[in-house]
Amino acid sequence: MAKKLTSKKGVSPILAALLLIVIAVASAVITYAWVTTFTTTQTTTAGKAIKYDSKVINATSDMVTVYVRNWGTEDVTLDKVYIDAMDHTDSVTSPAGFPTAGASLSVDAVVKITVNGTDAGLDFSAGSTYKVKVAGPGVEWEDSIEAS
């Protein structure tokens, strides 16, 4: 003979429905916050962006030469040059006037930036790698360059 269960305990249908609604709303809020942050970051980054077209450190003459391209969607100004995290903007020899005025770069334009390592007190060794960073308001690019 089968025994009949008389006392069933569980979550009421109303409470279950409310719980599902709360979980759905919470996941929607979290997804919305993530998408909003992601889109804001991506559109800001796409506006101003630079990269090196070419980069060379000549260990014989102690000269650093980087060709910087503006590949973003807005004009940028470059006004700082760092080598191994030290500011060497004062040793930039081209473009003319860079240490005081920087360089403006329109969209898809390229500028040649040359740093005189001797004036900066640097002595590059062939085969060694150095981090060179070019920066401006809201934009920067850093890359490792092997001296040759």
C-alpha atoms as a PDB file:
ATOM      1  CA  MET A   1       0.000   0.000   0.000  1.00  0.00           C
ATOM      2  CA  ALA A   2       1.308   3.415  -0.977  1.00  0.00           C
ATOM      3  CA  LYS A   3       1.787   5.966   1.708  1.00  0.00           C
ATOM      4  CA  LYS A   4       0.284   9.357   1.047  1.00  0.00           C
ATOM      5  CA  LEU A   5       2.444  12.382   1.765  1.00  0.00           C
ATOM      6  CA  THR A   6       0.351  14.824   3.660  1.00  0.00           C
ATOM      7  CA  SER A   7       2.834  17.479   4.567  1.00  0.00           C
ATOM      8  CA  LYS A   8       4.625  19.008   1.567  1.00  0.00           C
ATOM      9  CA  LYS A   9       7.002  21.857   2.245  1.00  0.00           C
ATOM     10  CA  GLY A  10       8.528  24.012  -0.438  1.00  0.00           C
ATOM     11  CA  VAL A  11       8.615  27.472  -1.937  1.00  0.00           C
ATOM     12  CA  SER A  12       5.267  28.929  -2.733  1.00  0.00           C
ATOM     13  CA  PRO A  13       4.592  29.786  -6.394  1.00  0.00           C
ATOM     14  CA  ILE A  14       4.342  33.509  -5.578  1.00  0.00           C
ATOM     15  CA  LEU A  15       7.689  33.540  -3.784  1.00  0.00           C
ATOM     16  CA  ALA A  16       9.299  31.566  -6.635  1.00  0.00           C
ATOM     17  CA  ALA A  17       8.002  34.044  -9.214  1.00  0.00           C
ATOM     18  CA  LEU A  18       9.298  37.012  -7.191  1.00  0.00           C
ATOM     19  CA  LEU A  19      12.688  35.344  -6.815  1.00  0.00           C
ATOM     20  CA  LEU A  20      12.955  34.780 -10.571  1.00  0.00           C
ATOM     21  CA  ILE A  21      12.022  38.412 -11.250  1.00  0.00           C
ATOM     22  CA  VAL A  22      14.693  39.677  -8.820  1.00  0.00           C
ATOM     23  CA  ILE A  23      17.357  37.461 -10.427  1.00  0.00           C
ATOM     24  CA  ALA A  24      16.371  38.632 -13.940  1.00  0.00           C
ATOM     25  CA  VAL A  25      16.439  42.328 -12.973  1.00  0.00           C
ATOM     26  CA  ALA A  26      19.799  41.979 -11.193  1.00  0.00           C
ATOM     27  CA  SER A  27      21.402  40.265 -14.182  1.00  0.00           C
ATOM     28  CA  ALA A  28      19.986  42.930 -16.527  1.00  0.00           C
ATOM     29  CA  VAL A  29      21.461  45.723 -14.348  1.00  0.00           C
ATOM     30  CA  ILE A  30      24.878  44.037 -14.238  1.00  0.00           C
ATOM     31  CA  THR A  31      24.876  43.501 -18.018  1.00  0.00           C
ATOM     32  CA  TYR A  32      23.836  47.120 -18.629  1.00  0.00           C
ATOM     33  CA  ALA A  33      26.636  48.444 -16.391  1.00  0.00           C
ATOM     34  CA  TRP A  34      29.257  46.305 -18.143  1.00  0.00           C
ATOM     35  CA  VAL A  35      28.095  47.256 -21.661  1.00  0.00           C
ATOM     36  CA  THR A  36      28.012  50.969 -20.769  1.00  0.00           C
ATOM     37  CA  THR A  37      31.540  50.885 -19.328  1.00  0.00           C
ATOM     38  CA  PHE A  38      32.874  48.864 -22.269  1.00  0.00           C
ATOM     39  CA  THR A  39      31.378  51.176 -24.908  1.00  0.00           C
ATOM     40  CA  THR A  40      32.574  54.328 -23.169  1.00  0.00           C
ATOM     41  CA  THR A  41      36.109  52.942 -22.922  1.00  0.00           C
ATOM     42  CA  GLN A  42      36.177  51.824 -26.554  1.00  0.00           C
ATOM     43  CA  THR A  43      34.869  55.094 -28.007  1.00  0.00           C
ATOM     44  CA  THR A  44      37.278  57.167 -25.900  1.00  0.00           C
ATOM     45  CA  THR A  45      40.227  55.017 -26.936  1.00  0.00           C
ATOM     46  CA  ALA A  46      39.271  55.119 -30.607  1.00  0.00           C
ATOM     47  CA  GLY A  47      39.231  58.922 -30.586  1.00  0.00           C
ATOM     48  CA  LYS A  48      42.933  59.413 -29.790  1.00  0.00           C
ATOM     49  CA  ALA A  49      45.429  56.726 -30.719  1.00  0.00           C
ATOM     50  CA  ILE A  50      49.056  56.661 -31.847  1.00  0.00           C
ATOM     51  CA  LYS A  51      51.538  53.949 -32.746  1.00  0.00           C
ATOM     52  CA  TYR A  52      55.066  53.640 -34.072  1.00  0.00           C
ATOM     53  CA  ASP A  53      55.484  53.115 -37.804  1.00  0.00           C
ATOM     54  CA  SER A  54      59.217  52.645 -37.355  1.00  0.00           C
ATOM     55  CA  LYS A  55      61.662  52.779 -34.457  1.00  0.00           C
ATOM     56  CA  VAL A  56      65.451  52.675 -34.252  1.00  0.00           C
ATOM     57  CA  ILE A  57      68.097  53.179 -31.589  1.00  0.00           C
ATOM     58  CA  ASN A  58      71.538  53.701 -33.089  1.00  0.00           C
ATOM     59  CA  ALA A  59      74.055  52.549 -30.454  1.00  0.00           C
ATOM     60  CA  THR A  60      76.969  54.132 -32.334  1.00  0.00           C
ATOM     61  CA  SER A  61      75.567  57.673 -32.465  1.00  0.00           C
ATOM     62  CA  ASP A  62      73.277  57.263 -29.394  1.00  0.00           C
ATOM     63  CA  MET A  63      70.322  58.572 -31.409  1.00  0.00           C
ATOM     64  CA  VAL A  64      66.728  57.388 -30.957  1.00  0.00           C
ATOM     65  CA  THR A  65      64.426  57.814 -33.958  1.00  0.00           C
ATOM     66  CA  VAL A  66      60.718  56.945 -33.903  1.00  0.00           C
ATOM     67  CA  TYR A  67      58.113  57.616 -36.560  1.00  0.00           C
ATOM     68  CA  VAL A  68      54.789  58.133 -34.784  1.00  0.00           C
ATOM     69  CA  ARG A  69      51.482  57.811 -36.666  1.00  0.00           C
ATOM     70  CA  ASN A  70      48.131  59.167 -35.481  1.00  0.00           C
ATOM     71  CA  TRP A  71      45.773  56.287 -36.308  1.00  0.00           C
ATOM     72  CA  GLY A  72      42.886  57.579 -34.208  1.00  0.00           C
ATOM     73  CA  THR A  73      39.929  59.688 -35.265  1.00  0.00           C
ATOM     74  CA  GLU A  74      41.017  62.956 -33.596  1.00  0.00           C
ATOM     75  CA  ASP A  75      44.047  65.243 -33.863  1.00  0.00           C
ATOM     76  CA  VAL A  76      46.624  64.687 -31.109  1.00  0.00           C
ATOM     77  CA  THR A  77      49.444  66.662 -29.549  1.00  0.00           C
ATOM     78  CA  LEU A  78      52.633  64.906 -28.486  1.00  0.00           C
ATOM     79  CA  ASP A  79      54.729  66.675 -25.876  1.00  0.00           C
ATOM     80  CA  LYS A  80      56.703  64.074 -23.877  1.00  0.00           C
ATOM     81  CA  VAL A  81      59.349  61.455 -24.663  1.00  0.00           C
ATOM     82  CA  TYR A  82      60.452  58.910 -22.058  1.00  0.00           C
ATOM     83  CA  ILE A  83      63.289  56.417 -22.337  1.00  0.00           C
ATOM     84  CA  ASP A  84      63.279  53.709 -19.660  1.00  0.00           C
ATOM     85  CA  ALA A  85      60.711  55.727 -17.658  1.00  0.00           C
ATOM     86  CA  MET A  86      62.904  58.871 -17.550  1.00  0.00           C
ATOM     87  CA  ASP A  87      61.670  62.086 -19.184  1.00  0.00           C
ATOM     88  CA  HIS A  88      64.044  63.034 -22.022  1.00  0.00           C
ATOM     89  CA  THR A  89      61.816  65.594 -23.751  1.00  0.00           C
ATOM     90  CA  ASP A  90      64.535  68.277 -23.466  1.00  0.00           C
ATOM     91  CA  SER A  91      66.865  66.152 -25.638  1.00  0.00           C
ATOM     92  CA  VAL A  92      64.477  65.921 -28.614  1.00  0.00           C
ATOM     93  CA  THR A  93      66.204  67.435 -31.663  1.00  0.00           C
ATOM     94  CA  SER A  94      63.403  67.009 -34.204  1.00  0.00           C
ATOM     95  CA  PRO A  95      60.833  68.199 -34.918  1.00  0.00           C
ATOM     96  CA  ALA A  96      62.142  71.688 -34.230  1.00  0.00           C
ATOM     97  CA  GLY A  97      60.722  73.239 -31.059  1.00  0.00           C
ATOM     98  CA  PHE A  98      59.405  69.931 -29.676  1.00  0.00           C
ATOM     99  CA  PRO A  99      60.795  70.409 -26.131  1.00  0.00           C
ATOM    100  CA  THR A 100      58.790  73.620 -25.688  1.00  0.00           C
ATOM    101  CA  ALA A 101      55.773  73.285 -28.002  1.00  0.00           C
ATOM    102  CA  GLY A 102      55.405  69.563 -28.728  1.00  0.00           C
ATOM    103  CA  ALA A 103      54.093  68.341 -32.073  1.00  0.00           C
ATOM    104  CA  SER A 104      50.530  68.417 -33.392  1.00  0.00           C
ATOM    105  CA  LEU A 105      49.481  65.442 -35.452  1.00  0.00           C
ATOM    106  CA  SER A 106      46.384  65.350 -37.630  1.00  0.00           C
ATOM    107  CA  VAL A 107      44.572  62.085 -38.341  1.00  0.00           C
ATOM    108  CA  ASP A 108      46.781  59.579 -40.233  1.00  0.00           C
ATOM    109  CA  ALA A 109      49.778  61.959 -40.187  1.00  0.00           C
ATOM    110  CA  VAL A 110      53.290  60.808 -39.268  1.00  0.00           C
ATOM    111  CA  VAL A 111      55.964  62.721 -37.352  1.00  0.00           C
ATOM    112  CA  LYS A 112      59.639  61.824 -36.997  1.00  0.00           C
ATOM    113  CA  ILE A 113      60.860  62.288 -33.428  1.00  0.00           C
ATOM    114  CA  THR A 114      64.607  62.164 -32.812  1.00  0.00           C
ATOM    115  CA  VAL A 115      66.221  62.105 -29.375  1.00  0.00           C
ATOM    116  CA  ASN A 116      69.921  62.847 -28.960  1.00  0.00           C
ATOM    117  CA  GLY A 117      71.003  60.246 -26.405  1.00  0.00           C
ATOM    118  CA  THR A 118      74.360  61.946 -25.831  1.00  0.00           C
ATOM    119  CA  ASP A 119      72.616  65.193 -24.782  1.00  0.00           C
ATOM    120  CA  ALA A 120      70.325  63.110 -22.549  1.00  0.00           C
ATOM    121  CA  GLY A 121      73.297  61.447 -20.860  1.00  0.00           C
ATOM    122  CA  LEU A 122      72.450  58.056 -22.337  1.00  0.00           C
ATOM    123  CA  ASP A 123      74.919  55.496 -23.641  1.00  0.00           C
ATOM    124  CA  PHE A 124      73.097  52.820 -25.630  1.00  0.00           C
ATOM    125  CA  SER A 125      74.624  49.350 -25.947  1.00  0.00           C
ATOM    126  CA  ALA A 126      74.067  47.334 -29.116  1.00  0.00           C
ATOM    127  CA  GLY A 127      71.808  44.372 -28.433  1.00  0.00           C
ATOM    128  CA  SER A 128      70.267  45.911 -25.308  1.00  0.00           C
ATOM    129  CA  THR A 129      66.544  46.703 -25.190  1.00  0.00           C
ATOM    130  CA  TYR A 130      65.140  50.062 -24.089  1.00  0.00           C
ATOM    131  CA  LYS A 131      61.544  51.189 -23.486  1.00  0.00           C
ATOM    132  CA  VAL A 132      60.661  54.317 -25.447  1.00  0.00           C
ATOM    133  CA  LYS A 133      57.372  56.090 -24.759  1.00  0.00           C
ATOM    134  CA  VAL A 134      55.886  59.060 -26.606  1.00  0.00           C
ATOM    135  CA  ALA A 135      52.950  60.787 -24.917  1.00  0.00           C
ATOM    136  CA  GLY A 136      50.617  63.745 -24.995  1.00  0.00           C
ATOM    137  CA  PRO A 137      47.332  64.777 -23.386  1.00  0.00           C
ATOM    138  CA  GLY A 138      45.100  61.689 -23.478  1.00  0.00           C
ATOM    139  CA  VAL A 139      47.401  59.587 -25.645  1.00  0.00           C
ATOM    140  CA  GLU A 140      50.592  57.535 -25.291  1.00  0.00           C
ATOM    141  CA  TRP A 141      52.506  54.684 -26.932  1.00  0.00           C
ATOM    142  CA  GLU A 142      55.317  52.671 -25.405  1.00  0.00           C
ATOM    143  CA  ASP A 143      57.393  49.967 -27.041  1.00  0.00           C
ATOM    144  CA  SER A 144      60.648  48.141 -26.448  1.00  0.00           C
ATOM    145  CA  ILE A 145      63.386  48.908 -28.962  1.00  0.00           C
ATOM    146  CA  GLU A 146      66.600  46.963 -29.374  1.00  0.00           C
ATOM    147  CA  ALA A 147      69.655  49.130 -29.978  1.00  0.00           C
ATOM    148  CA  SER A 148      71.698  48.256 -33.048  1.00  0.00           C
END
